Amino acid sequence: MRNIFVLLILFLIFSSGCDKVHDSVIPSVPFSFTINLTLHNELKVPGNSIFIPGIGYGGVIVYCEMEGSYFAFDATCTHEVSKTCLVENDGALGTCQCCQSQFIFTGGGFPSGGPATQALRQYQTSIINDVLRIYNYD
């Protein structure tokens, strides 16, 4: 009986963290957007990233980790939460125009330098055929 109780507690602890990609100081904006990868061939190359303005809070950076594996992040810096302080993408690295914080897109958009201490807001992605969908339904 004691083992079942311990397992139940562990299950509740670990399952409660799976609802979101991660919490963020960047305001949540619901959206759904698709990219035809046939038209955006540069996103099929591992290590490349593109900026898409007008979606999310401050635009979205899409990063290709490897063919078929994508990350999407809001371009708003987590230190300077403003639509005018955006992270400029350069391959697998992004740099805030305002505070010079740097973020690594591989594995979660975590800061690698500067005053920022929180990761970029990450959005969900899915791919069917050559259509990449980026979305947020918080």
Protein backbone atom coordinates (compact mmCIF):
# COMPACT_ATOMS: atom_id res chain seq x y z
CA MET A 1 0.00 0.00 0.00
CA ARG A 2 2.83 2.37 0.88
CA ASN A 3 4.50 1.76 -2.51
CA ILE A 4 1.29 2.58 -4.34
CA PHE A 5 0.96 5.84 -2.40
CA VAL A 6 4.56 6.84 -3.25
CA LEU A 7 4.01 6.02 -6.92
CA LEU A 8 0.81 8.05 -6.98
CA ILE A 9 2.57 11.09 -5.47
CA LEU A 10 5.44 10.80 -7.97
CA PHE A 11 2.98 10.50 -10.85
CA LEU A 12 1.13 13.65 -9.77
CA ILE A 13 4.35 15.62 -9.39
CA PHE A 14 5.73 14.68 -12.81
CA SER A 15 2.46 14.82 -14.75
CA SER A 16 1.59 18.35 -13.64
CA GLY A 17 4.63 19.80 -15.44
CA CYS A 18 3.71 18.45 -18.88
CA ASP A 19 0.83 20.78 -19.75
CA LYS A 20 2.95 23.59 -21.24
CA VAL A 21 6.28 23.77 -23.00
CA HIS A 22 7.39 26.13 -20.21
CA ASP A 23 6.14 29.21 -18.39
CA SER A 24 7.37 32.60 -19.56
CA VAL A 25 7.35 36.29 -18.66
CA ILE A 26 6.32 36.99 -22.28
CA PRO A 27 2.54 37.48 -22.57
CA SER A 28 0.71 34.55 -24.11
CA VAL A 29 -0.92 35.27 -27.48
CA PRO A 30 -2.98 32.47 -29.03
CA PHE A 31 -2.25 31.83 -32.72
CA SER A 32 -1.79 29.17 -35.35
CA PHE A 33 0.47 29.68 -38.35
CA THR A 34 1.78 27.40 -41.11
CA ILE A 35 4.94 27.51 -43.21
CA ASN A 36 5.25 25.66 -46.49
CA LEU A 37 8.78 24.22 -46.27
CA THR A 38 8.87 23.73 -50.02
CA LEU A 39 8.79 27.53 -50.37
CA HIS A 40 11.14 28.12 -47.41
CA ASN A 41 13.94 25.67 -48.30
CA GLU A 42 16.35 27.45 -45.94
CA LEU A 43 14.41 25.95 -43.02
CA LYS A 44 15.24 22.42 -44.18
CA VAL A 45 18.93 23.07 -43.46
CA PRO A 46 19.97 22.19 -39.89
CA GLY A 47 21.20 25.24 -37.97
CA ASN A 48 19.17 27.77 -39.97
CA SER A 49 16.53 30.06 -38.49
CA ILE A 50 14.06 32.62 -39.80
CA PHE A 51 12.09 35.47 -38.22
CA ILE A 52 8.36 35.76 -38.90
CA PRO A 53 6.86 39.12 -37.86
CA GLY A 54 3.25 39.66 -36.85
CA ILE A 55 2.54 36.44 -34.94
CA GLY A 56 2.99 35.69 -31.26
CA TYR A 57 3.79 38.65 -29.02
CA GLY A 58 6.85 40.04 -30.82
CA GLY A 59 7.15 37.81 -33.86
CA VAL A 60 8.41 34.25 -34.01
CA ILE A 61 11.83 32.77 -34.65
CA VAL A 62 11.75 29.29 -36.20
CA TYR A 63 14.90 27.20 -35.86
CA CYS A 64 15.72 23.93 -37.66
CA GLU A 65 17.65 21.69 -35.29
CA MET A 66 17.80 18.87 -37.83
CA GLU A 67 15.66 18.02 -40.81
CA GLY A 68 12.16 17.36 -39.47
CA SER A 69 12.92 18.81 -36.00
CA TYR A 70 11.96 22.43 -35.34
CA PHE A 71 11.83 24.86 -32.44
CA ALA A 72 9.75 28.05 -32.43
CA PHE A 73 10.30 30.95 -30.01
CA ASP A 74 8.81 34.35 -29.46
CA ALA A 75 11.36 36.96 -30.53
CA THR A 76 10.70 39.12 -27.46
CA CYS A 77 13.63 39.27 -25.04
CA THR A 78 12.82 37.91 -21.58
CA HIS A 79 14.87 40.65 -19.92
CA GLU A 80 13.41 43.59 -21.86
CA VAL A 81 9.77 42.52 -22.23
CA SER A 82 8.79 44.92 -24.98
CA LYS A 83 7.68 44.60 -28.59
CA THR A 84 10.57 46.91 -29.51
CA CYS A 85 13.31 44.81 -27.83
CA LEU A 86 13.46 41.82 -30.11
CA VAL A 87 15.95 39.00 -30.43
CA GLU A 88 17.65 38.97 -33.83
CA ASN A 89 18.32 35.46 -35.09
CA ASP A 90 21.59 34.31 -36.62
CA GLY A 91 21.49 30.56 -37.16
CA ALA A 92 21.36 28.81 -33.77
CA LEU A 93 22.00 32.00 -31.78
CA GLY A 94 19.86 35.07 -31.08
CA THR A 95 20.89 38.44 -29.64
CA CYS A 96 18.61 41.08 -28.09
CA GLN A 97 18.91 44.46 -29.80
CA CYS A 98 18.44 46.30 -26.49
CA CYS A 99 20.30 44.49 -23.68
CA GLN A 100 22.61 42.27 -25.78
CA SER A 101 21.40 39.09 -24.06
CA GLN A 102 22.17 36.03 -26.14
CA PHE A 103 19.98 32.95 -26.48
CA ILE A 104 20.76 29.49 -27.88
CA PHE A 105 17.87 28.07 -29.92
CA THR A 106 18.98 24.44 -29.63
CA GLY A 107 17.20 22.71 -26.78
CA GLY A 108 14.96 25.47 -25.48
CA GLY A 109 16.06 29.07 -26.15
CA PHE A 110 18.00 29.45 -22.91
CA PRO A 111 20.18 32.52 -22.30
CA SER A 112 23.91 32.08 -22.82
CA GLY A 113 25.03 35.61 -22.00
CA GLY A 114 23.84 39.05 -20.94
CA PRO A 115 21.39 40.04 -18.24
CA ALA A 116 18.52 37.73 -19.31
CA THR A 117 17.97 34.79 -16.96
CA GLN A 118 14.86 33.18 -18.46
CA ALA A 119 14.45 31.20 -21.67
CA LEU A 120 12.50 32.60 -24.61
CA ARG A 121 8.80 31.71 -24.78
CA GLN A 122 8.65 28.49 -26.74
CA TYR A 123 5.76 27.63 -29.03
CA GLN A 124 4.54 24.23 -30.15
CA THR A 125 5.37 22.86 -33.59
CA SER A 126 4.14 19.97 -35.71
CA ILE A 127 4.98 18.90 -39.23
CA ILE A 128 2.90 17.05 -41.79
CA ASN A 129 4.48 16.44 -45.18
CA ASP A 130 6.22 19.74 -45.96
CA VAL A 131 3.94 21.98 -43.88
CA LEU A 132 5.26 23.18 -40.52
CA ARG A 133 2.62 24.37 -38.08
CA ILE A 134 3.52 26.73 -35.22
CA TYR A 135 0.89 27.37 -32.61
CA ASN A 136 0.02 28.55 -29.12
CA TYR A 137 -3.30 27.86 -27.41
CA ASP A 138 -2.49 28.94 -23.83
